[in-house]
Amino acid sequence: MTDGPSEEPRFSPRPRRTAPEAGRRDTENALTELRAIVRRTEIVRDAGRDHFADGHPAYDVASMVILRLASLLERPELNMAHGPLSEDEVVAIRTTRNIAAHAGYRGMNDDLFWAAVTVRVPDIVRRLLEHLDDDLDDA
């Protein structure tokens, strides 16, 4: 044990990334997340509509699909909400996220939720993947 403060710094910051490096990394991370969302939509679809209800694991996976997608759209460095999606699509994703996160499943229409996760989201994610792939090609 020492009597005084240590001379060694407790923390040493990493050098900041340059804007092009940071932008490319953000895009790569978003692509990885979008691919994970695709896998989750496939899990929900493969479980089948007959089992899609509160309490079934596929329902929880569907909620995660919406939560993660909405989170990505809110990241300003990706600027995805203003790319290939309509304002109505962005609002629908946010609204569905708010219902899943705050109102609970009792506020969710299961048929609409199923269609959103198994039909609409895969199409949205496909367009976002194309948009981000184009961004990487331009970088």
C-alpha atoms as a PDB file:
ATOM      1  CA  MET A   1       0.000   0.000   0.000  1.00  0.00           C
ATOM      2  CA  THR A   2       1.265   3.471  -0.819  1.00  0.00           C
ATOM      3  CA  ASP A   3       0.826   6.588   1.232  1.00  0.00           C
ATOM      4  CA  GLY A   4       0.308   9.008  -1.653  1.00  0.00           C
ATOM      5  CA  PRO A   5      -1.316   9.157  -5.036  1.00  0.00           C
ATOM      6  CA  SER A   6       0.105   6.946  -7.727  1.00  0.00           C
ATOM      7  CA  GLU A   7       2.218   8.565 -10.396  1.00  0.00           C
ATOM      8  CA  GLU A   8       0.805   6.273 -13.081  1.00  0.00           C
ATOM      9  CA  PRO A   9      -2.272   7.529 -14.901  1.00  0.00           C
ATOM     10  CA  ARG A  10      -5.423   5.546 -14.163  1.00  0.00           C
ATOM     11  CA  PHE A  11      -6.659   6.066 -17.678  1.00  0.00           C
ATOM     12  CA  SER A  12      -5.054   6.809 -20.976  1.00  0.00           C
ATOM     13  CA  PRO A  13      -7.356   7.629 -23.870  1.00  0.00           C
ATOM     14  CA  ARG A  14      -7.038   5.956 -27.228  1.00  0.00           C
ATOM     15  CA  PRO A  15      -6.314   8.188 -30.173  1.00  0.00           C
ATOM     16  CA  ARG A  16      -9.456   9.371 -31.912  1.00  0.00           C
ATOM     17  CA  ARG A  17     -10.363   7.784 -35.197  1.00  0.00           C
ATOM     18  CA  THR A  18     -10.456   9.981 -38.221  1.00  0.00           C
ATOM     19  CA  ALA A  19     -13.874  10.721 -39.714  1.00  0.00           C
ATOM     20  CA  PRO A  20     -13.481   8.327 -42.698  1.00  0.00           C
ATOM     21  CA  GLU A  21     -12.346   5.477 -40.424  1.00  0.00           C
ATOM     22  CA  ALA A  22     -15.179   6.106 -37.955  1.00  0.00           C
ATOM     23  CA  GLY A  23     -17.768   6.346 -40.730  1.00  0.00           C
ATOM     24  CA  ARG A  24     -16.652   3.104 -42.321  1.00  0.00           C
ATOM     25  CA  ARG A  25     -16.688   1.336 -38.947  1.00  0.00           C
ATOM     26  CA  ASP A  26     -20.174   2.654 -38.161  1.00  0.00           C
ATOM     27  CA  THR A  27     -21.422   1.404 -41.523  1.00  0.00           C
ATOM     28  CA  GLU A  28     -19.823  -2.017 -41.040  1.00  0.00           C
ATOM     29  CA  ASN A  29     -21.387  -2.305 -37.573  1.00  0.00           C
ATOM     30  CA  ALA A  30     -24.795  -1.350 -38.972  1.00  0.00           C
ATOM     31  CA  LEU A  31     -24.461  -3.975 -41.718  1.00  0.00           C
ATOM     32  CA  THR A  32     -23.667  -6.607 -39.085  1.00  0.00           C
ATOM     33  CA  GLU A  33     -26.688  -5.570 -37.032  1.00  0.00           C
ATOM     34  CA  LEU A  34     -28.999  -5.593 -40.057  1.00  0.00           C
ATOM     35  CA  ARG A  35     -27.862  -9.118 -40.941  1.00  0.00           C
ATOM     36  CA  ALA A  36     -28.639 -10.186 -37.365  1.00  0.00           C
ATOM     37  CA  ILE A  37     -32.102  -8.663 -37.731  1.00  0.00           C
ATOM     38  CA  VAL A  38     -32.621 -10.711 -40.910  1.00  0.00           C
ATOM     39  CA  ARG A  39     -31.717 -13.886 -38.998  1.00  0.00           C
ATOM     40  CA  ARG A  40     -34.181 -12.956 -36.268  1.00  0.00           C
ATOM     41  CA  THR A  41     -36.997 -12.393 -38.769  1.00  0.00           C
ATOM     42  CA  GLU A  42     -36.279 -15.868 -40.156  1.00  0.00           C
ATOM     43  CA  ILE A  43     -36.563 -17.367 -36.658  1.00  0.00           C
ATOM     44  CA  VAL A  44     -39.969 -15.744 -36.241  1.00  0.00           C
ATOM     45  CA  ARG A  45     -41.162 -16.821 -39.700  1.00  0.00           C
ATOM     46  CA  ASP A  46     -39.932 -20.389 -39.203  1.00  0.00           C
ATOM     47  CA  ALA A  47     -41.755 -20.679 -35.864  1.00  0.00           C
ATOM     48  CA  GLY A  48     -45.021 -20.105 -37.745  1.00  0.00           C
ATOM     49  CA  ARG A  49     -47.991 -17.832 -37.248  1.00  0.00           C
ATOM     50  CA  ASP A  50     -49.907 -20.465 -35.253  1.00  0.00           C
ATOM     51  CA  HIS A  51     -47.435 -20.152 -32.375  1.00  0.00           C
ATOM     52  CA  PHE A  52     -46.944 -16.400 -32.575  1.00  0.00           C
ATOM     53  CA  ALA A  53     -48.385 -15.039 -29.337  1.00  0.00           C
ATOM     54  CA  ASP A  54     -47.256 -13.436 -26.113  1.00  0.00           C
ATOM     55  CA  GLY A  55     -45.275 -15.982 -24.129  1.00  0.00           C
ATOM     56  CA  HIS A  56     -43.795 -17.765 -27.140  1.00  0.00           C
ATOM     57  CA  PRO A  57     -40.055 -17.224 -27.733  1.00  0.00           C
ATOM     58  CA  ALA A  58     -40.676 -16.123 -31.327  1.00  0.00           C
ATOM     59  CA  TYR A  59     -42.793 -13.243 -30.019  1.00  0.00           C
ATOM     60  CA  ASP A  60     -39.879 -12.050 -27.903  1.00  0.00           C
ATOM     61  CA  VAL A  61     -37.529 -12.386 -30.882  1.00  0.00           C
ATOM     62  CA  ALA A  62     -39.976 -10.321 -32.954  1.00  0.00           C
ATOM     63  CA  SER A  63     -39.897  -7.621 -30.305  1.00  0.00           C
ATOM     64  CA  MET A  64     -36.115  -7.597 -30.468  1.00  0.00           C
ATOM     65  CA  VAL A  65     -36.293  -7.203 -34.257  1.00  0.00           C
ATOM     66  CA  ILE A  66     -38.340  -4.031 -33.877  1.00  0.00           C
ATOM     67  CA  LEU A  67     -36.305  -2.651 -30.971  1.00  0.00           C
ATOM     68  CA  ARG A  68     -32.970  -3.122 -32.742  1.00  0.00           C
ATOM     69  CA  LEU A  69     -34.212  -1.787 -36.069  1.00  0.00           C
ATOM     70  CA  ALA A  70     -35.687   1.325 -34.455  1.00  0.00           C
ATOM     71  CA  SER A  71     -32.436   1.864 -32.573  1.00  0.00           C
ATOM     72  CA  LEU A  72     -30.418   1.732 -35.793  1.00  0.00           C
ATOM     73  CA  LEU A  73     -32.697   4.242 -37.466  1.00  0.00           C
ATOM     74  CA  GLU A  74     -32.095   6.683 -34.624  1.00  0.00           C
ATOM     75  CA  ARG A  75     -28.320   6.717 -34.988  1.00  0.00           C
ATOM     76  CA  PRO A  76     -27.499  10.078 -36.587  1.00  0.00           C
ATOM     77  CA  GLU A  77     -24.096   8.973 -37.880  1.00  0.00           C
ATOM     78  CA  LEU A  78     -25.796   6.413 -40.140  1.00  0.00           C
ATOM     79  CA  ASN A  79     -28.460   8.772 -41.487  1.00  0.00           C
ATOM     80  CA  MET A  80     -30.491   5.749 -42.582  1.00  0.00           C
ATOM     81  CA  ALA A  81     -33.906   7.162 -41.772  1.00  0.00           C
ATOM     82  CA  HIS A  82     -33.511   9.616 -44.633  1.00  0.00           C
ATOM     83  CA  GLY A  83     -32.246   7.098 -47.164  1.00  0.00           C
ATOM     84  CA  PRO A  84     -34.353   4.363 -48.717  1.00  0.00           C
ATOM     85  CA  LEU A  85     -37.279   4.491 -46.252  1.00  0.00           C
ATOM     86  CA  SER A  86     -40.423   6.556 -46.427  1.00  0.00           C
ATOM     87  CA  GLU A  87     -41.389   8.746 -43.485  1.00  0.00           C
ATOM     88  CA  ASP A  88     -44.406   6.469 -42.956  1.00  0.00           C
ATOM     89  CA  GLU A  89     -42.125   3.431 -42.610  1.00  0.00           C
ATOM     90  CA  VAL A  90     -39.910   5.189 -40.073  1.00  0.00           C
ATOM     91  CA  VAL A  91     -42.944   6.303 -38.062  1.00  0.00           C
ATOM     92  CA  ALA A  92     -44.439   2.784 -38.195  1.00  0.00           C
ATOM     93  CA  ILE A  93     -41.220   1.240 -36.891  1.00  0.00           C
ATOM     94  CA  ARG A  94     -41.008   3.768 -34.053  1.00  0.00           C
ATOM     95  CA  THR A  95     -44.668   3.310 -33.172  1.00  0.00           C
ATOM     96  CA  THR A  96     -44.348  -0.478 -33.110  1.00  0.00           C
ATOM     97  CA  ARG A  97     -41.209  -0.160 -30.986  1.00  0.00           C
ATOM     98  CA  ASN A  98     -43.036   2.104 -28.536  1.00  0.00           C
ATOM     99  CA  ILE A  99     -45.913  -0.346 -28.219  1.00  0.00           C
ATOM    100  CA  ALA A 100     -43.563  -3.301 -27.696  1.00  0.00           C
ATOM    101  CA  ALA A 101     -41.341  -1.447 -25.244  1.00  0.00           C
ATOM    102  CA  HIS A 102     -43.835   0.641 -23.285  1.00  0.00           C
ATOM    103  CA  ALA A 103     -47.415  -0.539 -23.743  1.00  0.00           C
ATOM    104  CA  GLY A 104     -46.622  -4.206 -23.510  1.00  0.00           C
ATOM    105  CA  TYR A 105     -47.967  -6.974 -25.651  1.00  0.00           C
ATOM    106  CA  ARG A 106     -51.571  -6.320 -24.638  1.00  0.00           C
ATOM    107  CA  GLY A 107     -51.434  -3.206 -26.804  1.00  0.00           C
ATOM    108  CA  MET A 108     -50.128  -5.143 -29.806  1.00  0.00           C
ATOM    109  CA  ASN A 109     -52.262  -6.465 -32.644  1.00  0.00           C
ATOM    110  CA  ASP A 110     -50.654  -9.879 -33.186  1.00  0.00           C
ATOM    111  CA  ASP A 111     -51.672 -10.148 -36.838  1.00  0.00           C
ATOM    112  CA  LEU A 112     -50.171  -6.757 -37.694  1.00  0.00           C
ATOM    113  CA  PHE A 113     -47.089  -7.490 -35.619  1.00  0.00           C
ATOM    114  CA  TRP A 114     -46.572 -10.814 -37.431  1.00  0.00           C
ATOM    115  CA  ALA A 115     -46.912  -9.151 -40.833  1.00  0.00           C
ATOM    116  CA  ALA A 116     -44.561  -6.351 -39.830  1.00  0.00           C
ATOM    117  CA  VAL A 117     -41.798  -8.705 -38.703  1.00  0.00           C
ATOM    118  CA  THR A 118     -42.130 -11.383 -41.384  1.00  0.00           C
ATOM    119  CA  VAL A 119     -43.035  -9.283 -44.440  1.00  0.00           C
ATOM    120  CA  ARG A 120     -42.414  -5.561 -44.020  1.00  0.00           C
ATOM    121  CA  VAL A 121     -39.199  -5.633 -41.972  1.00  0.00           C
ATOM    122  CA  PRO A 122     -37.343  -8.013 -44.321  1.00  0.00           C
ATOM    123  CA  ASP A 123     -38.111  -5.676 -47.224  1.00  0.00           C
ATOM    124  CA  ILE A 124     -37.042  -2.628 -45.213  1.00  0.00           C
ATOM    125  CA  VAL A 125     -33.826  -4.310 -44.095  1.00  0.00           C
ATOM    126  CA  ARG A 126     -33.035  -5.379 -47.661  1.00  0.00           C
ATOM    127  CA  ARG A 127     -33.266  -1.749 -48.796  1.00  0.00           C
ATOM    128  CA  LEU A 128     -31.158  -0.565 -45.857  1.00  0.00           C
ATOM    129  CA  LEU A 129     -28.490  -3.182 -46.624  1.00  0.00           C
ATOM    130  CA  GLU A 130     -28.345  -2.018 -50.242  1.00  0.00           C
ATOM    131  CA  HIS A 131     -28.148   1.608 -49.109  1.00  0.00           C
ATOM    132  CA  LEU A 132     -25.275   0.906 -46.695  1.00  0.00           C
ATOM    133  CA  ASP A 133     -23.446  -1.298 -49.202  1.00  0.00           C
ATOM    134  CA  ASP A 134     -23.576   1.632 -51.633  1.00  0.00           C
ATOM    135  CA  ASP A 135     -22.167   3.901 -48.921  1.00  0.00           C
ATOM    136  CA  LEU A 136     -19.243   1.531 -48.387  1.00  0.00           C
ATOM    137  CA  ASP A 137     -18.589   1.375 -52.127  1.00  0.00           C
ATOM    138  CA  ASP A 138     -18.506   5.174 -52.287  1.00  0.00           C
ATOM    139  CA  ALA A 139     -16.086   5.449 -49.350  1.00  0.00           C
END
